[in-house]
PDB file of all heavy atoms in Angstrom:
ATOM      1  N   GLU A   1      -9.949  -9.888   2.226  1.00  0.00           N
ATOM      2  CA  GLU A   1      -9.391  -8.898   1.246  1.00  0.00           C
ATOM      3  C   GLU A   1      -8.020  -8.492   1.756  1.00  0.00           C
ATOM      4  O   GLU A   1      -7.605  -8.796   2.951  1.00  0.00           O
ATOM      5  CB  GLU A   1     -10.176  -7.506   1.250  1.00  0.00           C
ATOM      6  CG  GLU A   1     -10.364  -6.870   2.691  1.00  0.00           C
ATOM      7  CD  GLU A   1     -11.037  -5.696   2.718  1.00  0.00           C
ATOM      8  OE1 GLU A   1     -11.357  -5.048   1.719  1.00  0.00           O
ATOM      9  OE2 GLU A   1     -11.438  -5.146   3.917  1.00  0.00           O
ATOM     10  N   VAL A   2      -7.134  -8.034   1.001  1.00  0.00           N
ATOM     11  CA  VAL A   2      -5.783  -7.612   1.316  1.00  0.00           C
ATOM     12  C   VAL A   2      -5.710  -6.139   0.879  1.00  0.00           C
ATOM     13  O   VAL A   2      -5.949  -5.704  -0.060  1.00  0.00           O
ATOM     14  CB  VAL A   2      -4.726  -8.376   0.379  1.00  0.00           C
ATOM     15  CG1 VAL A   2      -3.337  -7.886   0.849  1.00  0.00           C
ATOM     16  CG2 VAL A   2      -4.893  -9.951   0.609  1.00  0.00           C
ATOM     17  N   LEU A   3      -5.273  -5.336   2.099  1.00  0.00           N
ATOM     18  CA  LEU A   3      -5.067  -4.044   1.915  1.00  0.00           C
ATOM     19  C   LEU A   3      -3.727  -3.673   2.077  1.00  0.00           C
ATOM     20  O   LEU A   3      -3.039  -3.898   3.033  1.00  0.00           O
ATOM     21  CB  LEU A   3      -5.925  -3.247   3.140  1.00  0.00           C
ATOM     22  CG  LEU A   3      -7.376  -3.453   3.161  1.00  0.00           C
ATOM     23  CD1 LEU A   3      -8.068  -2.897   4.451  1.00  0.00           C
ATOM     24  CD2 LEU A   3      -8.127  -2.861   1.879  1.00  0.00           C
ATOM     25  N   PHE A   4      -3.190  -3.116   0.884  1.00  0.00           N
ATOM     26  CA  PHE A   4      -1.735  -2.719   0.870  1.00  0.00           C
ATOM     27  C   PHE A   4      -1.754  -1.212   1.163  1.00  0.00           C
ATOM     28  O   PHE A   4      -2.352  -0.375   0.399  1.00  0.00           O
ATOM     29  CB  PHE A   4      -1.089  -3.007  -0.536  1.00  0.00           C
ATOM     30  CG  PHE A   4      -0.891  -4.484  -0.778  1.00  0.00           C
ATOM     31  CD1 PHE A   4      -1.824  -5.121  -1.563  1.00  0.00           C
ATOM     32  CD2 PHE A   4       0.097  -5.083  -0.159  1.00  0.00           C
ATOM     33  CE1 PHE A   4      -1.604  -6.555  -1.831  1.00  0.00           C
ATOM     34  CE2 PHE A   4       0.390  -6.491  -0.470  1.00  0.00           C
ATOM     35  CZ  PHE A   4      -0.568  -7.075  -1.230  1.00  0.00           C
ATOM     36  N   VAL A   5      -0.944  -0.719   2.073  1.00  0.00           N
ATOM     37  CA  VAL A   5      -0.788   0.622   2.490  1.00  0.00           C
ATOM     38  C   VAL A   5       0.711   1.103   2.100  1.00  0.00           C
ATOM     39  O   VAL A   5       1.599   0.516   2.749  1.00  0.00           O
ATOM     40  CB  VAL A   5      -1.119   0.929   3.876  1.00  0.00           C
ATOM     41  CG1 VAL A   5      -1.049   2.383   4.262  1.00  0.00           C
ATOM     42  CG2 VAL A   5      -2.495   0.323   4.301  1.00  0.00           C
ATOM     43  N   ASN A   6       0.800   1.993   1.137  1.00  0.00           N
ATOM     44  CA  ASN A   6       2.052   2.515   0.785  1.00  0.00           C
ATOM     45  C   ASN A   6       2.427   3.633   1.661  1.00  0.00           C
ATOM     46  O   ASN A   6       1.830   4.668   1.957  1.00  0.00           O
ATOM     47  CB  ASN A   6       1.875   3.191  -0.663  1.00  0.00           C
ATOM     48  CG  ASN A   6       3.301   3.648  -1.253  1.00  0.00           C
ATOM     49  OD1 ASN A   6       4.256   3.534  -0.500  1.00  0.00           O
ATOM     50  ND2 ASN A   6       3.284   3.979  -2.500  1.00  0.00           N
ATOM     51  N   ASP A   7       3.568   3.325   2.403  1.00  0.00           N
ATOM     52  CA  ASP A   7       3.971   4.235   3.433  1.00  0.00           C
ATOM     53  C   ASP A   7       5.212   5.109   2.845  1.00  0.00           C
ATOM     54  O   ASP A   7       6.399   4.914   3.201  1.00  0.00           O
ATOM     55  CB  ASP A   7       4.400   3.463   4.651  1.00  0.00           C
ATOM     56  CG  ASP A   7       4.837   4.496   5.779  1.00  0.00           C
ATOM     57  OD1 ASP A   7       4.486   5.559   5.809  1.00  0.00           O
ATOM     58  OD2 ASP A   7       5.665   3.999   6.727  1.00  0.00           O
ATOM     59  N   HIS A   8       4.946   5.995   1.895  1.00  0.00           N
ATOM     60  CA  HIS A   8       6.061   6.846   1.153  1.00  0.00           C
ATOM     61  C   HIS A   8       7.105   6.015   0.533  1.00  0.00           C
ATOM     62  O   HIS A   8       8.249   6.348   0.711  1.00  0.00           O
ATOM     63  CB  HIS A   8       6.473   7.787   2.191  1.00  0.00           C
ATOM     64  CG  HIS A   8       5.394   8.659   2.906  1.00  0.00           C
ATOM     65  ND1 HIS A   8       4.608   9.527   2.335  1.00  0.00           N
ATOM     66  CD2 HIS A   8       5.164   8.637   4.259  1.00  0.00           C
ATOM     67  CE1 HIS A   8       3.732  10.063   3.295  1.00  0.00           C
ATOM     68  NE2 HIS A   8       4.062   9.476   4.391  1.00  0.00           N
ATOM     69  N   SER A   9       6.802   4.999  -0.172  1.00  0.00           N
ATOM     70  CA  SER A   9       7.814   4.276  -0.834  1.00  0.00           C
ATOM     71  C   SER A   9       8.427   5.097  -1.974  1.00  0.00           C
ATOM     72  O   SER A   9       7.687   5.763  -2.731  1.00  0.00           O
ATOM     73  CB  SER A   9       7.316   2.947  -1.450  1.00  0.00           C
ATOM     74  OG  SER A   9       7.048   2.047  -0.462  1.00  0.00           O
ATOM     75  N   THR A  10       9.706   4.888  -2.157  1.00  0.00           N
ATOM     76  CA  THR A  10      10.483   5.555  -3.253  1.00  0.00           C
ATOM     77  C   THR A  10      10.962   4.600  -4.287  1.00  0.00           C
ATOM     78  O   THR A  10      11.592   4.927  -5.245  1.00  0.00           O
ATOM     79  CB  THR A  10      11.699   6.369  -2.602  1.00  0.00           C
ATOM     80  OG1 THR A  10      12.516   5.528  -2.008  1.00  0.00           O
ATOM     81  CG2 THR A  10      11.098   7.443  -1.746  1.00  0.00           C
ATOM     82  N   ASP A  11      10.743   3.370  -4.070  1.00  0.00           N
ATOM     83  CA  ASP A  11      11.147   2.251  -5.160  1.00  0.00           C
ATOM     84  C   ASP A  11       9.929   1.818  -5.880  1.00  0.00           C
ATOM     85  O   ASP A  11       8.972   2.571  -5.903  1.00  0.00           O
ATOM     86  CB  ASP A  11      11.794   1.035  -4.402  1.00  0.00           C
ATOM     87  CG  ASP A  11      10.908   0.291  -3.422  1.00  0.00           C
ATOM     88  OD1 ASP A  11       9.807   0.755  -3.263  1.00  0.00           O
ATOM     89  OD2 ASP A  11      11.379  -0.742  -2.919  1.00  0.00           O
ATOM     90  N   THR A  12      10.108   0.728  -6.609  1.00  0.00           N
ATOM     91  CA  THR A  12       8.932   0.235  -7.462  1.00  0.00           C
ATOM     92  C   THR A  12       7.881  -0.585  -6.759  1.00  0.00           C
ATOM     93  O   THR A  12       7.215  -1.286  -7.388  1.00  0.00           O
ATOM     94  CB  THR A  12       9.635  -0.675  -8.607  1.00  0.00           C
ATOM     95  OG1 THR A  12      10.231  -1.743  -7.998  1.00  0.00           O
ATOM     96  CG2 THR A  12      10.503   0.138  -9.372  1.00  0.00           C
ATOM     97  N   SER A  13       7.919  -0.483  -5.481  1.00  0.00           N
ATOM     98  CA  SER A  13       6.841  -1.283  -4.606  1.00  0.00           C
ATOM     99  C   SER A  13       5.439  -1.054  -5.058  1.00  0.00           C
ATOM    100  O   SER A  13       4.665  -1.985  -5.409  1.00  0.00           O
ATOM    101  CB  SER A  13       6.938  -0.972  -3.198  1.00  0.00           C
ATOM    102  OG  SER A  13       8.190  -1.244  -2.602  1.00  0.00           O
ATOM    103  N   GLU A  14       5.061   0.209  -5.314  1.00  0.00           N
ATOM    104  CA  GLU A  14       3.691   0.469  -5.653  1.00  0.00           C
ATOM    105  C   GLU A  14       3.397  -0.065  -7.108  1.00  0.00           C
ATOM    106  O   GLU A  14       2.311  -0.610  -7.266  1.00  0.00           O
ATOM    107  CB  GLU A  14       3.358   1.976  -5.746  1.00  0.00           C
ATOM    108  CG  GLU A  14       2.002   2.405  -5.971  1.00  0.00           C
ATOM    109  CD  GLU A  14       1.704   3.826  -5.693  1.00  0.00           C
ATOM    110  OE1 GLU A  14       2.558   4.526  -5.029  1.00  0.00           O
ATOM    111  OE2 GLU A  14       0.706   4.307  -6.267  1.00  0.00           O
ATOM    112  N   ALA A  15       4.260  -0.104  -8.028  1.00  0.00           N
ATOM    113  CA  ALA A  15       4.097  -0.586  -9.357  1.00  0.00           C
ATOM    114  C   ALA A  15       3.885  -2.146  -9.266  1.00  0.00           C
ATOM    115  O   ALA A  15       3.095  -2.632  -9.930  1.00  0.00           O
ATOM    116  CB  ALA A  15       5.334  -0.200 -10.244  1.00  0.00           C
ATOM    117  N   LEU A  16       4.787  -2.774  -8.367  1.00  0.00           N
ATOM    118  CA  LEU A  16       4.552  -4.205  -8.286  1.00  0.00           C
ATOM    119  C   LEU A  16       3.100  -4.556  -7.710  1.00  0.00           C
ATOM    120  O   LEU A  16       2.564  -5.610  -8.199  1.00  0.00           O
ATOM    121  CB  LEU A  16       5.552  -4.744  -7.300  1.00  0.00           C
ATOM    122  CG  LEU A  16       7.051  -4.917  -7.852  1.00  0.00           C
ATOM    123  CD1 LEU A  16       7.903  -5.171  -6.667  1.00  0.00           C
ATOM    124  CD2 LEU A  16       7.105  -5.884  -8.845  1.00  0.00           C
ATOM    125  N   ILE A  17       2.659  -3.851  -6.784  1.00  0.00           N
ATOM    126  CA  ILE A  17       1.333  -4.004  -6.154  1.00  0.00           C
ATOM    127  C   ILE A  17       0.190  -3.900  -7.373  1.00  0.00           C
ATOM    128  O   ILE A  17      -0.635  -4.662  -7.454  1.00  0.00           O
ATOM    129  CB  ILE A  17       0.990  -3.096  -5.007  1.00  0.00           C
ATOM    130  CG1 ILE A  17       1.978  -3.400  -3.834  1.00  0.00           C
ATOM    131  CG2 ILE A  17      -0.465  -3.266  -4.541  1.00  0.00           C
ATOM    132  CD1 ILE A  17       1.869  -4.731  -3.199  1.00  0.00           C
ATOM    133  N   GLN A  18       0.375  -2.732  -7.977  1.00  0.00           N
ATOM    134  CA  GLN A  18      -0.545  -2.536  -9.156  1.00  0.00           C
ATOM    135  C   GLN A  18      -0.667  -3.546 -10.197  1.00  0.00           C
ATOM    136  O   GLN A  18      -1.579  -3.937 -10.812  1.00  0.00           O
ATOM    137  CB  GLN A  18      -0.312  -1.194  -9.779  1.00  0.00           C
ATOM    138  CG  GLN A  18      -0.686  -0.014  -8.763  1.00  0.00           C
ATOM    139  CD  GLN A  18      -0.287   1.294  -9.348  1.00  0.00           C
ATOM    140  OE1 GLN A  18       0.578   1.507 -10.293  1.00  0.00           O
ATOM    141  NE2 GLN A  18      -0.789   2.384  -8.800  1.00  0.00           N
ATOM    142  N   GLN A  19       0.583  -4.018 -10.472  1.00  0.00           N
ATOM    143  CA  GLN A  19       0.700  -5.172 -11.472  1.00  0.00           C
ATOM    144  C   GLN A  19       0.154  -6.467 -11.016  1.00  0.00           C
ATOM    145  O   GLN A  19      -0.657  -7.104 -11.720  1.00  0.00           O
ATOM    146  CB  GLN A  19       2.262  -5.389 -11.815  1.00  0.00           C
ATOM    147  CG  GLN A  19       2.336  -6.523 -12.838  1.00  0.00           C
ATOM    148  CD  GLN A  19       3.861  -6.722 -13.037  1.00  0.00           C
ATOM    149  OE1 GLN A  19       4.776  -6.184 -12.486  1.00  0.00           O
ATOM    150  NE2 GLN A  19       4.211  -7.509 -14.060  1.00  0.00           N
ATOM    151  N   ALA A  20       0.223  -6.758  -9.682  1.00  0.00           N
ATOM    152  CA  ALA A  20      -0.330  -7.986  -9.124  1.00  0.00           C
ATOM    153  C   ALA A  20      -1.878  -7.794  -9.076  1.00  0.00           C
ATOM    154  O   ALA A  20      -2.546  -8.702  -9.249  1.00  0.00           O
ATOM    155  CB  ALA A  20       0.141  -8.134  -7.624  1.00  0.00           C
ATOM    156  N   MET A  21      -2.350  -6.708  -8.826  1.00  0.00           N
ATOM    157  CA  MET A  21      -3.797  -6.428  -8.754  1.00  0.00           C
ATOM    158  C   MET A  21      -4.399  -6.457 -10.129  1.00  0.00           C
ATOM    159  O   MET A  21      -5.461  -7.076 -10.360  1.00  0.00           O
ATOM    160  CB  MET A  21      -4.213  -4.904  -8.296  1.00  0.00           C
ATOM    161  CG  MET A  21      -3.809  -4.820  -6.751  1.00  0.00           C
ATOM    162  SD  MET A  21      -3.834  -3.054  -6.163  1.00  0.00           S
ATOM    163  CE  MET A  21      -5.460  -2.516  -6.756  1.00  0.00           C
ATOM    164  N   ALA A  22      -3.670  -6.258 -11.272  1.00  0.00           N
ATOM    165  CA  ALA A  22      -4.149  -6.363 -12.575  1.00  0.00           C
ATOM    166  C   ALA A  22      -4.163  -7.818 -13.114  1.00  0.00           C
ATOM    167  O   ALA A  22      -5.023  -8.209 -13.823  1.00  0.00           O
ATOM    168  CB  ALA A  22      -3.349  -5.552 -13.566  1.00  0.00           C
ATOM    169  N   ASN A  23      -3.219  -8.527 -12.644  1.00  0.00           N
ATOM    170  CA  ASN A  23      -3.056  -9.905 -13.049  1.00  0.00           C
ATOM    171  C   ASN A  23      -3.576 -10.914 -12.162  1.00  0.00           C
ATOM    172  O   ASN A  23      -3.272 -12.210 -12.443  1.00  0.00           O
ATOM    173  CB  ASN A  23      -1.460 -10.197 -13.330  1.00  0.00           C
ATOM    174  CG  ASN A  23      -0.886  -9.301 -14.353  1.00  0.00           C
ATOM    175  OD1 ASN A  23      -1.547  -8.791 -15.240  1.00  0.00           O
ATOM    176  ND2 ASN A  23       0.475  -9.006 -14.263  1.00  0.00           N
ATOM    177  N   SER A  24      -4.150 -10.570 -11.139  1.00  0.00           N
ATOM    178  CA  SER A  24      -4.560 -11.627 -10.160  1.00  0.00           C
ATOM    179  C   SER A  24      -6.184 -11.480  -9.765  1.00  0.00           C
ATOM    180  O   SER A  24      -6.763 -10.519  -9.931  1.00  0.00           O
ATOM    181  CB  SER A  24      -3.746 -11.428  -8.849  1.00  0.00           C
ATOM    182  OG  SER A  24      -4.269 -12.282  -7.809  1.00  0.00           O
ATOM    183  N   THR A  25      -6.629 -12.669  -9.282  1.00  0.00           N
ATOM    184  CA  THR A  25      -8.004 -12.482  -8.886  1.00  0.00           C
ATOM    185  C   THR A  25      -8.053 -12.178  -7.339  1.00  0.00           C
ATOM    186  O   THR A  25      -9.093 -12.183  -6.697  1.00  0.00           O
ATOM    187  CB  THR A  25      -8.736 -13.848  -8.971  1.00  0.00           C
ATOM    188  OG1 THR A  25      -7.892 -14.904  -8.416  1.00  0.00           O
ATOM    189  CG2 THR A  25      -8.683 -14.187 -10.556  1.00  0.00           C
ATOM    190  N   LEU A  26      -6.977 -11.975  -6.761  1.00  0.00           N
ATOM    191  CA  LEU A  26      -6.783 -11.763  -5.316  1.00  0.00           C
ATOM    192  C   LEU A  26      -7.478 -10.406  -5.085  1.00  0.00           C
ATOM    193  O   LEU A  26      -7.273  -9.411  -5.687  1.00  0.00           O
ATOM    194  CB  LEU A  26      -5.290 -11.528  -4.987  1.00  0.00           C
ATOM    195  CG  LEU A  26      -4.938 -11.643  -3.477  1.00  0.00           C
ATOM    196  CD1 LEU A  26      -5.273 -12.858  -2.983  1.00  0.00           C
ATOM    197  CD2 LEU A  26      -3.564 -11.353  -3.322  1.00  0.00           C
ATOM    198  N   PRO A  27      -8.479 -10.419  -3.938  1.00  0.00           N
ATOM    199  CA  PRO A  27      -9.165  -9.234  -3.661  1.00  0.00           C
ATOM    200  C   PRO A  27      -8.341  -8.256  -2.883  1.00  0.00           C
ATOM    201  O   PRO A  27      -8.125  -8.416  -1.721  1.00  0.00           O
ATOM    202  CB  PRO A  27     -10.431  -9.693  -2.862  1.00  0.00           C
ATOM    203  CG  PRO A  27      -9.758 -10.987  -2.153  1.00  0.00           C
ATOM    204  CD  PRO A  27      -8.871 -11.523  -3.181  1.00  0.00           C
ATOM    205  N   CYS A  28      -7.607  -7.182  -3.519  1.00  0.00           N
ATOM    206  CA  CYS A  28      -6.793  -6.343  -2.912  1.00  0.00           C
ATOM    207  C   CYS A  28      -7.048  -4.873  -3.257  1.00  0.00           C
ATOM    208  O   CYS A  28      -7.489  -4.634  -4.378  1.00  0.00           O
ATOM    209  CB  CYS A  28      -5.270  -6.656  -3.085  1.00  0.00           C
ATOM    210  SG  CYS A  28      -4.830  -6.854  -4.673  1.00  0.00           S
ATOM    211  N   ARG A  29      -6.655  -4.033  -2.532  1.00  0.00           N
ATOM    212  CA  ARG A  29      -6.775  -2.592  -2.622  1.00  0.00           C
ATOM    213  C   ARG A  29      -5.425  -1.952  -2.229  1.00  0.00           C
ATOM    214  O   ARG A  29      -4.733  -2.400  -1.351  1.00  0.00           O
ATOM    215  CB  ARG A  29      -7.918  -1.957  -1.911  1.00  0.00           C
ATOM    216  CG  ARG A  29      -9.145  -2.282  -2.381  1.00  0.00           C
ATOM    217  CD  ARG A  29     -10.419  -1.704  -1.744  1.00  0.00           C
ATOM    218  NE  ARG A  29     -10.223  -1.440  -0.376  1.00  0.00           N
ATOM    219  CZ  ARG A  29     -11.070  -0.867   0.420  1.00  0.00           C
ATOM    220  NH1 ARG A  29     -12.271  -0.437  -0.147  1.00  0.00           N
ATOM    221  NH2 ARG A  29     -10.927  -0.724   1.689  1.00  0.00           N
ATOM    222  N   LEU A  30      -5.122  -0.753  -2.944  1.00  0.00           N
ATOM    223  CA  LEU A  30      -3.874  -0.111  -2.667  1.00  0.00           C
ATOM    224  C   LEU A  30      -4.247   1.282  -1.967  1.00  0.00           C
ATOM    225  O   LEU A  30      -5.062   2.030  -2.606  1.00  0.00           O
ATOM    226  CB  LEU A  30      -3.059   0.197  -3.903  1.00  0.00           C
ATOM    227  CG  LEU A  30      -1.691   1.117  -3.767  1.00  0.00           C
ATOM    228  CD1 LEU A  30      -0.752   0.289  -2.743  1.00  0.00           C
ATOM    229  CD2 LEU A  30      -1.077   1.214  -4.969  1.00  0.00           C
ATOM    230  N   LEU A  31      -3.794   1.526  -0.820  1.00  0.00           N
ATOM    231  CA  LEU A  31      -4.050   2.826  -0.180  1.00  0.00           C
ATOM    232  C   LEU A  31      -2.779   3.609   0.039  1.00  0.00           C
ATOM    233  O   LEU A  31      -1.659   2.924  -0.053  1.00  0.00           O
ATOM    234  CB  LEU A  31      -4.639   2.536   1.248  1.00  0.00           C
ATOM    235  CG  LEU A  31      -6.001   1.579   1.338  1.00  0.00           C
ATOM    236  CD1 LEU A  31      -6.227   1.355   2.808  1.00  0.00           C
ATOM    237  CD2 LEU A  31      -7.059   2.425   0.666  1.00  0.00           C
ATOM    238  N   HIS A  32      -2.881   4.796   0.322  1.00  0.00           N
ATOM    239  CA  HIS A  32      -1.672   5.669   0.431  1.00  0.00           C
ATOM    240  C   HIS A  32      -1.722   6.253   1.815  1.00  0.00           C
ATOM    241  O   HIS A  32      -2.634   6.858   2.267  1.00  0.00           O
ATOM    242  CB  HIS A  32      -1.577   6.731  -0.497  1.00  0.00           C
ATOM    243  CG  HIS A  32      -1.344   6.174  -1.981  1.00  0.00           C
ATOM    244  ND1 HIS A  32      -0.164   5.794  -2.351  1.00  0.00           N
ATOM    245  CD2 HIS A  32      -2.305   5.931  -2.916  1.00  0.00           C
ATOM    246  CE1 HIS A  32      -0.394   5.395  -3.698  1.00  0.00           C
ATOM    247  NE2 HIS A  32      -1.609   5.414  -3.946  1.00  0.00           N
ATOM    248  N   ASN A  33      -0.525   6.156   2.644  1.00  0.00           N
ATOM    249  CA  ASN A  33      -0.552   6.746   3.990  1.00  0.00           C
ATOM    250  C   ASN A  33       0.109   8.174   3.671  1.00  0.00           C
ATOM    251  O   ASN A  33       1.249   8.291   3.564  1.00  0.00           O
ATOM    252  CB  ASN A  33       0.322   5.968   4.921  1.00  0.00           C
ATOM    253  CG  ASN A  33       0.342   6.386   6.234  1.00  0.00           C
ATOM    254  OD1 ASN A  33      -0.546   7.279   6.648  1.00  0.00           O
ATOM    255  ND2 ASN A  33       1.155   5.741   7.118  1.00  0.00           N
ATOM    256  N   ASP A  34      -0.707   9.204   3.636  1.00  0.00           N
ATOM    257  CA  ASP A  34      -0.254  10.497   3.455  1.00  0.00           C
ATOM    258  C   ASP A  34       0.171  11.259   4.633  1.00  0.00           C
ATOM    259  O   ASP A  34       0.803  12.287   4.590  1.00  0.00           O
ATOM    260  CB  ASP A  34      -1.312  11.253   2.641  1.00  0.00           C
ATOM    261  CG  ASP A  34      -1.796  10.691   1.416  1.00  0.00           C
ATOM    262  OD1 ASP A  34      -0.914  10.120   0.749  1.00  0.00           O
ATOM    263  OD2 ASP A  34      -2.960  10.796   1.111  1.00  0.00           O
ATOM    264  N   ALA A  35      -0.173  10.694   5.762  1.00  0.00           N
ATOM    265  CA  ALA A  35       0.077  11.398   7.093  1.00  0.00           C
ATOM    266  C   ALA A  35       1.579  11.299   7.514  1.00  0.00           C
ATOM    267  O   ALA A  35       2.254  10.321   7.158  1.00  0.00           O
ATOM    268  CB  ALA A  35      -0.640  10.850   8.163  1.00  0.00           C
ATOM    269  N   VAL A  36       2.186  12.424   7.815  1.00  0.00           N
ATOM    270  CA  VAL A  36       3.502  12.469   8.362  1.00  0.00           C
ATOM    271  C   VAL A  36       3.503  12.534   9.894  1.00  0.00           C
ATOM    272  O   VAL A  36       3.116  13.595  10.369  1.00  0.00           O
ATOM    273  CB  VAL A  36       4.271  13.609   7.714  1.00  0.00           C
ATOM    274  CG1 VAL A  36       5.703  13.632   8.223  1.00  0.00           C
ATOM    275  CG2 VAL A  36       4.211  13.669   6.269  1.00  0.00           C
ATOM    276  N   VAL A  37       3.602  11.436  10.470  1.00  0.00           N
ATOM    277  CA  VAL A  37       3.597  11.289  11.981  1.00  0.00           C
ATOM    278  C   VAL A  37       4.751  10.581  12.565  1.00  0.00           C
ATOM    279  O   VAL A  37       5.505  10.135  11.812  1.00  0.00           O
ATOM    280  CB  VAL A  37       2.288  10.578  12.422  1.00  0.00           C
ATOM    281  CG1 VAL A  37       1.010  11.308  11.900  1.00  0.00           C
ATOM    282  CG2 VAL A  37       2.188   9.245  11.756  1.00  0.00           C
ATOM    283  N   GLN A  38       4.732  10.452  13.839  1.00  0.00           N
ATOM    284  CA  GLN A  38       5.930   9.879  14.500  1.00  0.00           C
ATOM    285  C   GLN A  38       5.957   8.365  14.223  1.00  0.00           C
ATOM    286  O   GLN A  38       7.052   7.787  14.109  1.00  0.00           O
ATOM    287  CB  GLN A  38       5.718   9.983  16.124  1.00  0.00           C
ATOM    288  CG  GLN A  38       6.982   9.824  16.821  1.00  0.00           C
ATOM    289  CD  GLN A  38       7.648  11.157  17.018  1.00  0.00           C
ATOM    290  OE1 GLN A  38       7.132  12.143  16.936  1.00  0.00           O
ATOM    291  NE2 GLN A  38       8.958  11.146  17.418  1.00  0.00           N
ATOM    292  N   SER A  39       4.785   7.687  14.187  1.00  0.00           N
ATOM    293  CA  SER A  39       4.807   6.204  13.895  1.00  0.00           C
ATOM    294  C   SER A  39       4.033   5.973  12.643  1.00  0.00           C
ATOM    295  O   SER A  39       2.779   5.659  12.689  1.00  0.00           O
ATOM    296  CB  SER A  39       4.192   5.469  15.053  1.00  0.00           C
ATOM    297  OG  SER A  39       3.026   5.949  15.404  1.00  0.00           O
ATOM    298  N   PRO A  40       4.556   5.964  11.434  1.00  0.00           N
ATOM    299  CA  PRO A  40       3.774   5.911  10.289  1.00  0.00           C
ATOM    300  C   PRO A  40       3.213   4.453  10.079  1.00  0.00           C
ATOM    301  O   PRO A  40       2.170   4.288   9.462  1.00  0.00           O
ATOM    302  CB  PRO A  40       4.768   6.161   9.096  1.00  0.00           C
ATOM    303  CG  PRO A  40       6.072   5.989   9.693  1.00  0.00           C
ATOM    304  CD  PRO A  40       6.006   6.297  11.273  1.00  0.00           C
ATOM    305  N   LYS A  41       3.762   3.398  10.607  1.00  0.00           N
ATOM    306  CA  LYS A  41       3.285   2.087  10.512  1.00  0.00           C
ATOM    307  C   LYS A  41       2.005   1.937  11.193  1.00  0.00           C
ATOM    308  O   LYS A  41       0.910   1.418  10.581  1.00  0.00           O
ATOM    309  CB  LYS A  41       4.212   1.069  11.055  1.00  0.00           C
ATOM    310  CG  LYS A  41       3.998  -0.269  10.801  1.00  0.00           C
ATOM    311  CD  LYS A  41       4.411  -0.755   9.502  1.00  0.00           C
ATOM    312  CE  LYS A  41       5.877  -0.798   9.281  1.00  0.00           C
ATOM    313  NZ  LYS A  41       6.328  -1.262   8.040  1.00  0.00           N
ATOM    314  N   LYS A  42       1.836   2.581  12.379  1.00  0.00           N
ATOM    315  CA  LYS A  42       0.553   2.490  13.149  1.00  0.00           C
ATOM    316  C   LYS A  42      -0.520   3.448  12.433  1.00  0.00           C
ATOM    317  O   LYS A  42      -1.612   2.976  12.397  1.00  0.00           O
ATOM    318  CB  LYS A  42       0.880   3.088  14.480  1.00  0.00           C
ATOM    319  CG  LYS A  42       1.575   2.138  15.495  1.00  0.00           C
ATOM    320  CD  LYS A  42       1.627   2.732  16.865  1.00  0.00           C
ATOM    321  CE  LYS A  42       2.467   1.969  17.740  1.00  0.00           C
ATOM    322  NZ  LYS A  42       2.774   2.509  19.047  1.00  0.00           N
ATOM    323  N   GLU A  43       0.032   4.467  11.857  1.00  0.00           N
ATOM    324  CA  GLU A  43      -0.939   5.390  11.131  1.00  0.00           C
ATOM    325  C   GLU A  43      -1.517   4.561   9.821  1.00  0.00           C
ATOM    326  O   GLU A  43      -2.678   4.635   9.551  1.00  0.00           O
ATOM    327  CB  GLU A  43      -0.317   6.601  10.665  1.00  0.00           C
ATOM    328  CG  GLU A  43      -1.167   7.626   9.987  1.00  0.00           C
ATOM    329  CD  GLU A  43      -2.366   8.113  10.872  1.00  0.00           C
ATOM    330  OE1 GLU A  43      -2.201   8.228  12.030  1.00  0.00           O
ATOM    331  OE2 GLU A  43      -3.314   8.491  10.425  1.00  0.00           O
ATOM    332  N   GLY A  44      -0.562   3.847   9.207  1.00  0.00           N
ATOM    333  CA  GLY A  44      -1.021   3.047   7.986  1.00  0.00           C
ATOM    334  C   GLY A  44      -2.045   1.898   8.346  1.00  0.00           C
ATOM    335  O   GLY A  44      -3.050   1.736   7.750  1.00  0.00           O
ATOM    336  N   ILE A  45      -1.794   1.194   9.540  1.00  0.00           N
ATOM    337  CA  ILE A  45      -2.858   0.320   9.908  1.00  0.00           C
ATOM    338  C   ILE A  45      -4.124   0.932  10.313  1.00  0.00           C
ATOM    339  O   ILE A  45      -5.090   0.396  10.095  1.00  0.00           O
ATOM    340  CB  ILE A  45      -2.114  -0.507  11.138  1.00  0.00           C
ATOM    341  CG1 ILE A  45      -0.955  -1.356  10.644  1.00  0.00           C
ATOM    342  CG2 ILE A  45      -3.210  -1.401  11.932  1.00  0.00           C
ATOM    343  CD1 ILE A  45      -0.155  -1.937  11.768  1.00  0.00           C
ATOM    344  N   THR A  46      -4.038   2.019  11.009  1.00  0.00           N
ATOM    345  CA  THR A  46      -5.257   2.666  11.409  1.00  0.00           C
ATOM    346  C   THR A  46      -6.159   3.146  10.102  1.00  0.00           C
ATOM    347  O   THR A  46      -7.266   2.947  10.071  1.00  0.00           O
ATOM    348  CB  THR A  46      -4.933   3.973  12.254  1.00  0.00           C
ATOM    349  OG1 THR A  46      -4.279   3.579  13.359  1.00  0.00           O
ATOM    350  CG2 THR A  46      -6.217   4.661  12.718  1.00  0.00           C
TER     351      THR A  46
END
């Protein structure tokens, strides 16, 4: 599976992921990293 974690994107990244999910058989999910912490990348992975 592919887990995409949106880390407060302000561009069209999330729309691209949603479009790919609709047009593909790739097993993926879109998650949102809502936490505001010192290291958002680590929080997204967690």
